[in-house]
Amino acid sequence: MPATLSFSLKQARRLALAAQGFNGRQPPAATKPVQLNRLIERLGILQIDSVNALVRSHYLPVFSRLGNYSTDLLDQAAWSQGRRRTLFEYWGHEASLLPLSMYPLMRWRMQRAARGEDIYQQLARFGREQQDTIRRVLASVQKLGALGAGSLSTRQERAGPWWDWSAEKHALEWLFAAGEVTVASRRGFERLYDLPERVIPSALLQQPLLSEAEAQRGLLLHAATALGVGTEKDLRDYFRLNPADSRPRLAELVEGGELLVCEVEGWRQPAYCLAEPKVPRKVEASALLSPFDSLIWERSRTERLFDFRYRLEIYTPQHKRVYGYYVLPFLHNERIAARVDLRAERASGRLAVHAVHEEEPGLDDEGMLALAVNLRRMADWLGLERVQLNCPRASAARLRGALAQFSVV
């Protein structure tokens, strides 16, 4: 398939940033549900992760794009009952929140999971061997309503590490993957499972099942919309499709004129974009990014787009860490210009900055002030009074000077 378009690397960056909701506009003074829902529809997905060093990861991408907003808005969209609920949980990229409109696009994945395909081998084996336990747990959910795994567990010994699941937890996770239960709400961070007909709007459940090919094409189009431009690997990674599924679907989308083949300066692989892409003249955006932000979660793409190598070091022994435990990349004016190791110290009301690392060629005074502004805004959003610098590096000294322009540092 010959390429029909060619983009410079700067143009590809601008396409990607605009597609991801970094349009350079000032965030609204008070975010409303319609703005939040519009953003998540654009992104298609928010990844959920249990690490809470700063704030749960699914809250951060919204802050990065819309600024100070009430996390209650996202909680209501994800876990409330009735019309305010606009999201559902499922395996999208990883554990994810997705717009309800995408529920029909995930049902083929649920059917595969029910057959033991494309899920963890341990869970697939449990599904084959423990149907009596699965049916017993499902009957409890049918009878009692939204339940957590802890309320069903029959094990006598204390649980071990987080992967040391009880039989009932295994059963609930199998039922969740197979679409026979869904997440109704959360208690703290614990999932509470219920029947889909009590959570998902009936209009969506009653829609005719899409074929696998139709659903996969829909997911790839969502990915292309959210990424702006991407290789086959970039597009399939967005919703974790297999190469055997994504490659023929991409060919079909190109043949149908819904996607175009293109070239990006410096990329070895061909890329794809929507027809008639509009490249912004520039993108003036500054934001601290979650380690699980959809702009950067495909690490090889992040290196190709931004010349920025990023690895999360949470599970790296402390003495082997290069940048820190929970490091947020700092996006500034079309480049990832720095990385900051942050922690929310709620008991003392501080946003602690444990390390500041500038990327070559560094941040100028305007960029350092932008980083200070973002840190102050994040502290305000998290309800923390102070930004405290615990970093001895020269970059932190410059940042301290920028932060001094605020009344509370």
Protein backbone atom coordinates (compact mmCIF):
# COMPACT_ATOMS: atom_id res chain seq x y z
CA MET A 1 0.00 0.00 0.00
CA PRO A 2 1.78 3.17 -1.14
CA ALA A 3 1.70 6.17 1.19
CA THR A 4 -0.55 9.01 0.05
CA LEU A 5 0.57 11.60 2.62
CA SER A 6 3.85 12.59 4.22
CA PHE A 7 4.31 14.37 7.56
CA SER A 8 7.35 15.93 9.13
CA LEU A 9 8.03 14.84 12.72
CA LYS A 10 6.79 18.24 13.97
CA GLN A 11 3.55 17.81 12.05
CA ALA A 12 3.08 14.29 13.46
CA ARG A 13 3.60 15.64 17.00
CA ARG A 14 1.02 18.36 16.44
CA LEU A 15 -1.47 15.88 15.02
CA ALA A 16 -0.95 13.61 18.03
CA LEU A 17 -1.22 16.38 20.62
CA ALA A 18 -4.37 17.85 19.10
CA ALA A 19 -5.96 14.41 18.79
CA GLN A 20 -5.21 13.75 22.46
CA GLY A 21 -6.96 16.92 23.59
CA PHE A 22 -3.95 19.20 23.98
CA ASN A 23 -5.21 22.05 21.85
CA GLY A 24 -3.57 24.96 23.60
CA ARG A 25 -6.84 26.42 24.85
CA GLN A 26 -7.22 27.62 28.39
CA PRO A 27 -8.99 24.99 30.52
CA PRO A 28 -12.51 25.95 31.60
CA ALA A 29 -12.89 27.77 34.91
CA ALA A 30 -15.32 25.11 36.12
CA THR A 31 -15.43 21.79 34.28
CA LYS A 32 -18.93 20.50 33.61
CA PRO A 33 -20.01 16.91 32.94
CA VAL A 34 -20.48 17.63 29.24
CA GLN A 35 -16.85 18.76 28.91
CA LEU A 36 -15.55 15.74 30.80
CA ASN A 37 -17.63 13.34 28.72
CA ARG A 38 -16.59 15.02 25.48
CA LEU A 39 -12.94 14.59 26.41
CA ILE A 40 -13.29 10.92 27.34
CA GLU A 41 -15.24 10.24 24.15
CA ARG A 42 -12.31 11.78 22.28
CA LEU A 43 -9.72 9.69 24.13
CA GLY A 44 -11.90 6.59 24.12
CA ILE A 45 -10.33 5.25 27.28
CA LEU A 46 -8.83 6.03 30.69
CA GLN A 47 -6.46 3.45 32.15
CA ILE A 48 -7.01 2.44 35.79
CA ASP A 49 -4.09 1.59 38.05
CA SER A 50 -3.91 0.89 41.78
CA VAL A 51 -0.84 3.03 42.57
CA ASN A 52 -1.86 6.04 44.67
CA ALA A 53 1.43 7.84 45.26
CA LEU A 54 -0.09 11.04 43.90
CA VAL A 55 -3.69 10.29 42.95
CA ARG A 56 -5.30 7.31 41.19
CA SER A 57 -4.07 7.35 37.61
CA HIS A 58 -7.45 7.60 35.89
CA TYR A 59 -8.01 11.05 37.38
CA LEU A 60 -4.80 12.53 36.00
CA PRO A 61 -5.40 12.60 32.21
CA VAL A 62 -8.50 14.73 32.74
CA PHE A 63 -6.55 17.16 34.94
CA SER A 64 -3.74 17.32 32.37
CA ARG A 65 -6.19 18.50 29.73
CA LEU A 66 -8.95 20.34 31.62
CA GLY A 67 -7.12 21.62 34.69
CA ASN A 68 -8.67 21.85 38.14
CA TYR A 69 -11.85 19.76 38.14
CA SER A 70 -13.83 17.88 40.74
CA THR A 71 -12.96 14.18 40.73
CA ASP A 72 -16.56 13.63 41.84
CA LEU A 73 -17.53 14.31 38.22
CA LEU A 74 -15.47 11.35 37.06
CA ASP A 75 -16.71 9.16 39.92
CA GLN A 76 -20.30 9.95 38.97
CA ALA A 77 -19.64 9.26 35.29
CA ALA A 78 -18.00 5.93 36.13
CA TRP A 79 -19.94 4.52 39.08
CA SER A 80 -23.21 6.36 39.70
CA GLN A 81 -26.61 4.99 38.85
CA GLY A 82 -28.92 6.47 36.25
CA ARG A 83 -28.29 9.12 33.64
CA ARG A 84 -25.15 10.55 35.20
CA ARG A 85 -23.33 7.31 34.44
CA THR A 86 -21.59 7.60 31.07
CA LEU A 87 -18.66 5.18 31.51
CA PHE A 88 -18.13 1.49 32.15
CA GLU A 89 -15.18 -0.64 33.21
CA TYR A 90 -13.62 -3.29 31.06
CA TRP A 91 -10.34 -4.51 29.60
CA GLY A 92 -9.63 -1.78 27.07
CA HIS A 93 -5.92 -0.96 27.10
CA GLU A 94 -5.47 -2.54 30.50
CA ALA A 95 -8.15 -2.22 33.19
CA SER A 96 -9.95 0.82 31.85
CA LEU A 97 -12.86 3.20 31.94
CA LEU A 98 -14.55 3.54 28.55
CA PRO A 99 -17.53 5.55 27.25
CA LEU A 100 -20.77 3.58 27.38
CA SER A 101 -21.08 4.15 23.65
CA MET A 102 -18.19 1.72 23.20
CA TYR A 103 -19.84 -1.16 25.05
CA PRO A 104 -21.02 -2.83 21.80
CA LEU A 105 -17.44 -2.69 20.48
CA MET A 106 -16.23 -4.80 23.43
CA ARG A 107 -18.75 -7.64 23.34
CA TRP A 108 -16.68 -9.72 20.89
CA ARG A 109 -13.85 -9.58 23.43
CA MET A 110 -16.24 -10.80 26.14
CA GLN A 111 -17.29 -13.71 23.91
CA ARG A 112 -13.67 -14.67 23.33
CA ALA A 113 -12.98 -14.51 27.06
CA ALA A 114 -15.92 -16.84 27.71
CA ARG A 115 -14.23 -19.33 25.37
CA GLY A 116 -10.94 -18.93 27.27
CA GLU A 117 -9.31 -16.93 24.46
CA ASP A 118 -7.19 -13.78 24.79
CA ILE A 119 -7.21 -13.84 28.60
CA TYR A 120 -4.63 -14.86 31.18
CA GLN A 121 -3.94 -18.59 31.04
CA GLN A 122 -4.60 -19.04 34.75
CA LEU A 123 -8.03 -17.42 34.37
CA ALA A 124 -8.82 -19.43 31.25
CA ARG A 125 -7.94 -22.66 33.08
CA PHE A 126 -10.11 -21.62 36.02
CA GLY A 127 -13.00 -21.07 33.59
CA ARG A 128 -12.59 -24.56 32.18
CA GLU A 129 -12.20 -26.34 35.51
CA GLN A 130 -14.30 -24.37 38.01
CA GLN A 131 -17.69 -23.81 36.37
CA ASP A 132 -19.48 -24.94 39.56
CA THR A 133 -17.78 -22.15 41.54
CA ILE A 134 -18.45 -19.65 38.75
CA ARG A 135 -22.18 -20.51 38.65
CA ARG A 136 -22.40 -20.35 42.44
CA VAL A 137 -20.84 -16.89 42.50
CA LEU A 138 -23.06 -15.68 39.65
CA ALA A 139 -26.14 -16.91 41.52
CA SER A 140 -25.04 -14.87 44.56
CA VAL A 141 -24.73 -11.74 42.42
CA GLN A 142 -28.13 -12.38 40.86
CA LYS A 143 -29.72 -12.75 44.28
CA LEU A 144 -27.88 -10.15 46.35
CA GLY A 145 -26.88 -7.43 43.89
CA ALA A 146 -23.56 -5.61 43.76
CA LEU A 147 -20.92 -7.62 45.61
CA GLY A 148 -17.19 -7.46 46.21
CA ALA A 149 -14.96 -10.52 46.20
CA GLY A 150 -14.32 -10.21 49.94
CA SER A 151 -17.97 -10.69 50.86
CA LEU A 152 -18.09 -13.99 48.94
CA SER A 153 -14.77 -15.52 49.92
CA THR A 154 -14.90 -18.88 51.69
CA ARG A 155 -11.16 -19.15 52.30
CA GLN A 156 -10.04 -19.48 55.89
CA GLU A 157 -6.41 -18.37 55.65
CA ARG A 158 -5.34 -14.78 55.24
CA ALA A 159 -4.82 -13.58 51.69
CA GLY A 160 -1.26 -13.30 50.44
CA PRO A 161 -0.01 -10.83 47.84
CA TRP A 162 -2.48 -9.07 45.55
CA TRP A 163 -2.35 -11.88 42.95
CA ASP A 164 -3.21 -14.49 45.60
CA TRP A 165 -6.91 -14.48 44.70
CA SER A 166 -9.60 -16.54 46.37
CA ALA A 167 -11.69 -18.89 44.24
CA GLU A 168 -14.56 -16.40 44.43
CA LYS A 169 -12.33 -13.56 43.19
CA HIS A 170 -11.21 -15.74 40.29
CA ALA A 171 -14.85 -16.50 39.51
CA LEU A 172 -15.84 -12.83 39.55
CA GLU A 173 -12.91 -11.89 37.32
CA TRP A 174 -13.80 -14.65 34.88
CA LEU A 175 -17.43 -13.52 34.83
CA PHE A 176 -16.28 -9.91 34.36
CA ALA A 177 -14.03 -10.80 31.43
CA ALA A 178 -16.85 -12.85 29.88
CA GLY A 179 -19.32 -9.98 30.28
CA GLU A 180 -21.64 -11.88 32.61
CA VAL A 181 -21.05 -9.33 35.36
CA THR A 182 -19.81 -5.76 35.21
CA VAL A 183 -18.51 -3.24 37.73
CA ALA A 184 -21.43 -1.43 39.32
CA SER A 185 -19.37 0.73 41.67
CA ARG A 186 -16.30 0.70 43.87
CA ARG A 187 -15.87 0.60 47.63
CA GLY A 188 -12.59 2.38 48.12
CA PHE A 189 -10.69 0.75 45.29
CA GLU A 190 -12.52 -2.61 45.53
CA ARG A 191 -14.71 -3.51 42.59
CA LEU A 192 -18.38 -4.25 43.30
CA TYR A 193 -19.84 -6.50 40.61
CA ASP A 194 -23.42 -6.72 39.40
CA LEU A 195 -25.36 -8.02 36.42
CA PRO A 196 -24.97 -5.95 33.24
CA GLU A 197 -28.74 -5.43 32.97
CA ARG A 198 -28.67 -3.55 36.28
CA VAL A 199 -25.81 -1.29 35.20
CA ILE A 200 -25.58 -0.93 31.40
CA PRO A 201 -28.46 0.86 29.59
CA SER A 202 -30.86 -1.65 28.05
CA ALA A 203 -30.62 0.06 24.66
CA LEU A 204 -26.95 -0.92 24.47
CA LEU A 205 -27.52 -4.48 25.69
CA GLN A 206 -30.28 -4.99 23.14
CA GLN A 207 -28.22 -3.86 20.16
CA PRO A 208 -27.49 -6.63 17.65
CA LEU A 209 -24.08 -8.14 18.19
CA LEU A 210 -21.41 -6.72 15.92
CA SER A 211 -19.18 -9.17 14.12
CA GLU A 212 -15.60 -9.34 15.33
CA ALA A 213 -14.44 -7.61 12.15
CA GLU A 214 -16.94 -4.75 12.57
CA ALA A 215 -15.99 -4.19 16.20
CA GLN A 216 -12.26 -4.34 15.51
CA ARG A 217 -12.58 -1.83 12.68
CA GLY A 218 -14.50 0.43 15.05
CA LEU A 219 -11.78 0.18 17.69
CA LEU A 220 -9.03 0.93 15.18
CA LEU A 221 -10.92 3.99 13.96
CA HIS A 222 -11.26 5.16 17.58
CA ALA A 223 -7.53 4.64 18.02
CA ALA A 224 -6.70 6.57 14.85
CA THR A 225 -8.95 9.42 15.98
CA ALA A 226 -7.35 9.49 19.44
CA LEU A 227 -3.75 9.21 18.21
CA GLY A 228 -3.91 11.47 15.15
CA VAL A 229 -1.33 9.37 13.33
CA GLY A 230 0.15 6.00 14.19
CA THR A 231 1.72 2.81 12.93
CA GLU A 232 -0.13 -0.49 12.91
CA LYS A 233 1.45 -1.32 16.26
CA ASP A 234 0.45 2.07 17.71
CA LEU A 235 -3.16 1.65 16.62
CA ARG A 236 -3.60 -1.93 17.80
CA ASP A 237 -1.90 -1.23 21.12
CA TYR A 238 -4.45 1.44 22.00
CA PHE A 239 -7.14 -1.19 22.65
CA ARG A 240 -4.75 -4.15 22.91
CA LEU A 241 -5.71 -5.88 19.65
CA ASN A 242 -3.75 -8.83 18.31
CA PRO A 243 -1.72 -8.39 15.11
CA ALA A 244 -3.73 -11.20 13.50
CA ASP A 245 -6.88 -9.09 14.08
CA SER A 246 -5.53 -5.59 13.44
CA ARG A 247 -3.67 -6.12 10.17
CA PRO A 248 -6.56 -7.33 8.02
CA ARG A 249 -8.90 -4.77 9.63
CA LEU A 250 -6.49 -1.94 8.79
CA ALA A 251 -6.30 -3.13 5.20
CA GLU A 252 -10.10 -3.08 5.05
CA LEU A 253 -10.26 0.44 6.48
CA VAL A 254 -7.71 1.67 3.95
CA GLU A 255 -9.54 -0.04 1.10
CA GLY A 256 -12.79 1.58 2.24
CA GLY A 257 -11.17 5.02 2.39
CA GLU A 258 -11.70 5.44 6.13
CA LEU A 259 -7.96 5.47 6.84
CA LEU A 260 -5.05 6.71 4.73
CA VAL A 261 -1.55 5.29 4.58
CA CYS A 262 1.06 7.94 5.31
CA GLU A 263 4.75 8.44 6.04
CA VAL A 264 6.26 10.19 9.04
CA GLU A 265 9.77 11.59 8.98
CA GLY A 266 12.16 9.18 10.69
CA TRP A 267 9.62 6.37 11.15
CA ARG A 268 10.58 3.05 9.62
CA GLN A 269 7.06 1.67 9.49
CA PRO A 270 4.16 3.08 7.45
CA ALA A 271 1.59 5.03 9.44
CA TYR A 272 -2.15 5.60 9.22
CA CYS A 273 -4.39 8.60 9.76
CA LEU A 274 -7.96 9.64 9.16
CA ALA A 275 -8.87 11.09 5.79
CA GLU A 276 -8.25 14.85 5.46
CA PRO A 277 -6.14 15.31 8.60
CA LYS A 278 -5.85 18.87 9.87
CA VAL A 279 -2.40 19.66 11.24
CA PRO A 280 -2.36 22.57 13.74
CA ARG A 281 0.12 25.34 13.00
CA LYS A 282 1.40 24.96 16.57
CA VAL A 283 0.32 23.51 19.90
CA GLU A 284 1.00 25.59 22.99
CA ALA A 285 0.22 23.27 25.88
CA SER A 286 1.85 22.61 29.23
CA ALA A 287 0.86 19.61 31.33
CA LEU A 288 2.12 17.07 33.82
CA LEU A 289 1.31 13.63 32.43
CA SER A 290 0.26 10.48 34.23
CA PRO A 291 2.64 7.54 33.67
CA PHE A 292 -0.49 5.86 32.27
CA ASP A 293 -1.56 8.71 29.97
CA SER A 294 -2.68 7.54 26.54
CA LEU A 295 -0.36 10.10 24.91
CA ILE A 296 2.71 8.20 26.13
CA TRP A 297 1.72 4.67 27.16
CA GLU A 298 3.12 3.06 23.96
CA ARG A 299 6.78 3.67 24.87
CA SER A 300 8.30 3.11 21.42
CA ARG A 301 5.85 5.63 19.95
CA THR A 302 6.80 8.12 22.67
CA GLU A 303 10.44 7.76 21.63
CA ARG A 304 9.60 8.18 17.93
CA LEU A 305 7.39 11.22 18.52
CA PHE A 306 9.22 13.06 21.28
CA ASP A 307 12.72 11.53 21.41
CA PHE A 308 11.86 10.72 25.01
CA ARG A 309 12.69 7.36 26.58
CA TYR A 310 10.35 6.69 29.47
CA ARG A 311 10.16 3.73 31.84
CA LEU A 312 8.15 3.53 35.05
CA GLU A 313 10.49 2.66 37.93
CA ILE A 314 7.94 1.74 40.60
CA TYR A 315 9.02 -1.90 40.52
CA THR A 316 12.74 -1.10 40.15
CA PRO A 317 14.78 -1.45 43.38
CA GLN A 318 15.43 1.98 44.82
CA HIS A 319 19.19 1.88 44.33
CA LYS A 320 18.71 1.13 40.63
CA ARG A 321 16.24 3.92 39.89
CA VAL A 322 17.44 6.63 37.53
CA TYR A 323 14.67 9.20 37.88
CA GLY A 324 12.47 8.18 40.82
CA TYR A 325 9.51 6.16 42.04
CA TYR A 326 6.53 7.97 40.49
CA VAL A 327 7.78 10.21 37.71
CA LEU A 328 5.49 12.41 35.63
CA PRO A 329 6.70 13.66 32.25
CA PHE A 330 6.23 17.40 31.71
CA LEU A 331 4.84 18.36 28.31
CA HIS A 332 5.67 21.89 27.23
CA ASN A 333 5.17 23.43 23.80
CA GLU A 334 5.28 20.29 21.66
CA ARG A 335 8.11 18.56 23.52
CA ILE A 336 8.43 16.52 26.68
CA ALA A 337 10.83 18.87 28.37
CA ALA A 338 11.30 17.43 31.86
CA ARG A 339 10.32 14.67 34.27
CA VAL A 340 9.32 15.21 37.89
CA ASP A 341 9.17 12.65 40.72
CA LEU A 342 6.08 13.63 42.75
CA ARG A 343 4.30 12.46 45.87
CA ALA A 344 1.17 13.75 47.58
CA GLU A 345 1.93 13.98 51.30
CA ARG A 346 -1.64 14.48 52.40
CA ALA A 347 -1.08 14.33 56.16
CA SER A 348 1.25 17.34 55.97
CA GLY A 349 -0.59 19.10 53.15
CA ARG A 350 2.36 19.01 50.76
CA LEU A 351 3.01 18.18 47.13
CA ALA A 352 6.54 16.83 47.46
CA VAL A 353 8.89 17.18 44.49
CA HIS A 354 11.61 14.58 45.04
CA ALA A 355 13.43 15.05 41.75
CA VAL A 356 13.45 17.37 38.73
CA HIS A 357 15.20 16.24 35.54
CA GLU A 358 15.30 18.50 32.50
CA GLU A 359 15.52 16.99 29.03
CA GLU A 360 18.01 18.42 26.54
CA PRO A 361 18.19 21.28 25.71
CA GLY A 362 16.51 22.08 29.03
CA LEU A 363 13.77 24.49 30.04
CA ASP A 364 14.13 28.20 29.46
CA ASP A 365 12.78 30.65 32.03
CA GLU A 366 9.32 30.61 30.46
CA GLY A 367 9.29 26.80 30.51
CA MET A 368 10.42 26.64 34.13
CA LEU A 369 7.69 29.08 35.10
CA ALA A 370 5.18 26.89 33.24
CA LEU A 371 6.34 23.88 35.27
CA ALA A 372 5.94 25.89 38.48
CA VAL A 373 2.42 26.91 37.43
CA ASN A 374 1.50 23.28 36.73
CA LEU A 375 2.83 22.12 40.09
CA ARG A 376 0.95 24.87 41.92
CA ARG A 377 -2.25 24.02 40.04
CA MET A 378 -1.81 20.34 40.84
CA ALA A 379 -1.33 21.10 44.53
CA ASP A 380 -4.51 23.21 44.50
CA TRP A 381 -6.41 20.44 42.70
CA LEU A 382 -5.28 17.88 45.27
CA GLY A 383 -6.14 20.19 48.16
CA LEU A 384 -2.49 20.53 49.24
CA GLU A 385 -1.29 23.81 50.68
CA ARG A 386 2.38 23.74 49.70
CA VAL A 387 4.75 22.59 47.00
CA GLN A 388 7.89 21.31 48.72
CA LEU A 389 11.14 20.78 46.81
CA ASN A 390 13.27 17.92 48.14
CA CYS A 391 15.63 17.84 45.17
CA PRO A 392 19.22 19.19 45.38
CA ARG A 393 19.70 19.42 41.60
CA ALA A 394 20.31 22.72 39.81
CA SER A 395 17.01 22.30 38.01
CA ALA A 396 15.22 22.33 41.37
CA ALA A 397 17.01 25.55 42.35
CA ARG A 398 15.66 27.21 39.21
CA LEU A 399 12.23 25.76 39.91
CA ARG A 400 12.35 27.12 43.47
CA GLY A 401 12.87 30.58 42.04
CA ALA A 402 9.88 30.16 39.74
CA LEU A 403 7.71 28.85 42.58
CA ALA A 404 8.71 31.81 44.75
CA GLN A 405 6.43 33.93 42.60
CA PHE A 406 3.49 32.23 44.33
CA SER A 407 2.42 33.19 47.83
CA VAL A 408 2.51 29.59 49.19
CA VAL A 409 5.60 27.50 48.36
